[in-house]
C-alpha atoms as a PDB file:
ATOM      1  CA  MET A   1      -0.016   0.037  -0.200  1.00  0.00           C
ATOM      2  CA  ASP A   2       1.414   3.585  -0.882  1.00  0.00           C
ATOM      3  CA  ALA A   3       0.461   6.792   1.081  1.00  0.00           C
ATOM      4  CA  ASN A   4       0.981  10.167  -0.659  1.00  0.00           C
ATOM      5  CA  ILE A   5       1.474  13.224   1.246  1.00  0.00           C
ATOM      6  CA  LYS A   6       2.286  16.676   0.289  1.00  0.00           C
ATOM      7  CA  CYS A   7       5.535  18.538   1.922  1.00  0.00           C
ATOM      8  CA  ARG A   8       7.377  21.424   0.870  1.00  0.00           C
ATOM      9  CA  PHE A   9      11.201  20.683   1.071  1.00  0.00           C
ATOM     10  CA  VAL A  10      12.849  24.335   2.512  1.00  0.00           C
ATOM     11  CA  GLY A  11      16.186  23.012   2.527  1.00  0.00           C
ATOM     12  CA  ARG A  12      18.970  22.664   0.461  1.00  0.00           C
ATOM     13  CA  GLU A  13      19.676  19.727  -2.072  1.00  0.00           C
ATOM     14  CA  GLU A  14      22.982  18.844  -0.464  1.00  0.00           C
ATOM     15  CA  GLU A  15      20.615  17.961   2.559  1.00  0.00           C
ATOM     16  CA  ILE A  16      19.085  15.199   0.480  1.00  0.00           C
ATOM     17  CA  ASN A  17      20.221  11.996   2.024  1.00  0.00           C
ATOM     18  CA  LEU A  18      19.236   8.794   0.351  1.00  0.00           C
ATOM     19  CA  SER A  19      21.512   6.629   1.669  1.00  0.00           C
ATOM     20  CA  GLY A  20      20.157   6.781   5.645  1.00  0.00           C
ATOM     21  CA  ASN A  21      22.377   6.084   8.341  1.00  0.00           C
ATOM     22  CA  GLY A  22      24.250   3.094   6.092  1.00  0.00           C
ATOM     23  CA  THR A  23      22.446   0.446   8.275  1.00  0.00           C
ATOM     24  CA  GLU A  24      19.609  -0.728   5.576  1.00  0.00           C
ATOM     25  CA  LYS A  25      19.790  -0.963   1.909  1.00  0.00           C
ATOM     26  CA  PRO A  26      18.398   2.266   0.545  1.00  0.00           C
ATOM     27  CA  GLU A  27      15.463   1.855  -1.475  1.00  0.00           C
ATOM     28  CA  PHE A  28      16.284   4.554  -4.513  1.00  0.00           C
ATOM     29  CA  GLY A  29      19.327   5.350  -5.810  1.00  0.00           C
ATOM     30  CA  GLU A  30      19.118   8.490  -7.000  1.00  0.00           C
ATOM     31  CA  TRP A  31      16.305  11.416  -7.307  1.00  0.00           C
ATOM     32  CA  SER A  32      15.409  14.339  -9.487  1.00  0.00           C
ATOM     33  CA  TRP A  33      12.623  16.870  -9.346  1.00  0.00           C
ATOM     34  CA  MET A  34       9.917  16.716 -11.712  1.00  0.00           C
ATOM     35  CA  THR A  35       6.936  18.597 -13.174  1.00  0.00           C
ATOM     36  CA  PRO A  36       3.645  16.639 -12.066  1.00  0.00           C
ATOM     37  CA  GLN A  37       3.659  15.795 -15.770  1.00  0.00           C
ATOM     38  CA  GLN A  38       6.844  14.121 -15.790  1.00  0.00           C
ATOM     39  CA  VAL A  39       5.809  11.952 -12.568  1.00  0.00           C
ATOM     40  CA  ILE A  40       2.843  10.715 -14.955  1.00  0.00           C
ATOM     41  CA  GLU A  41       4.802  10.180 -17.912  1.00  0.00           C
ATOM     42  CA  LEU A  42       7.936   8.057 -16.290  1.00  0.00           C
ATOM     43  CA  ALA A  43       5.761   5.880 -13.548  1.00  0.00           C
ATOM     44  CA  VAL A  44       5.442   2.554 -14.420  1.00  0.00           C
ATOM     45  CA  GLY A  45       1.943   1.504 -16.184  1.00  0.00           C
ATOM     46  CA  PHE A  46      -0.005   0.262 -13.255  1.00  0.00           C
ATOM     47  CA  LYS A  47       0.669   3.012 -11.110  1.00  0.00           C
ATOM     48  CA  LYS A  48      -0.096   5.929 -13.815  1.00  0.00           C
ATOM     49  CA  PRO A  49      -3.663   6.058 -12.752  1.00  0.00           C
ATOM     50  CA  VAL A  50      -3.108   6.465  -9.116  1.00  0.00           C
ATOM     51  CA  TYR A  51      -0.248   9.077  -9.579  1.00  0.00           C
ATOM     52  CA  GLU A  52      -3.100  11.033 -11.919  1.00  0.00           C
ATOM     53  CA  GLU A  53      -5.702  11.104  -9.476  1.00  0.00           C
ATOM     54  CA  VAL A  54      -3.161  11.825  -6.506  1.00  0.00           C
ATOM     55  CA  LEU A  55      -1.687  14.892  -8.770  1.00  0.00           C
ATOM     56  CA  LYS A  56      -5.323  16.237  -9.524  1.00  0.00           C
ATOM     57  CA  TYR A  57      -6.052  16.313  -5.892  1.00  0.00           C
ATOM     58  CA  PHE A  58      -2.520  18.095  -5.156  1.00  0.00           C
ATOM     59  CA  ALA A  59      -2.330  19.999  -7.940  1.00  0.00           C
ATOM     60  CA  PRO A  60      -3.907  23.399  -6.186  1.00  0.00           C
ATOM     61  CA  TYR A  61      -0.976  22.992  -3.846  1.00  0.00           C
ATOM     62  CA  LEU A  62       1.885  22.732  -6.375  1.00  0.00           C
ATOM     63  CA  LEU A  63       4.044  25.707  -7.537  1.00  0.00           C
END
């Protein structure tokens, strides 16, 4: 089950740490900022409808 939340990152990109404290295998190897449309375009097929719905809900809050 996925959970979707909206957060505003106010730090510096250098503060983003995907490795954690090194005791667990990271879930992601890299990240990037994307537009909502890019998220939908790059999503795996079965996730696209979910992301479309989530982004419709959050659209008024996105910059």
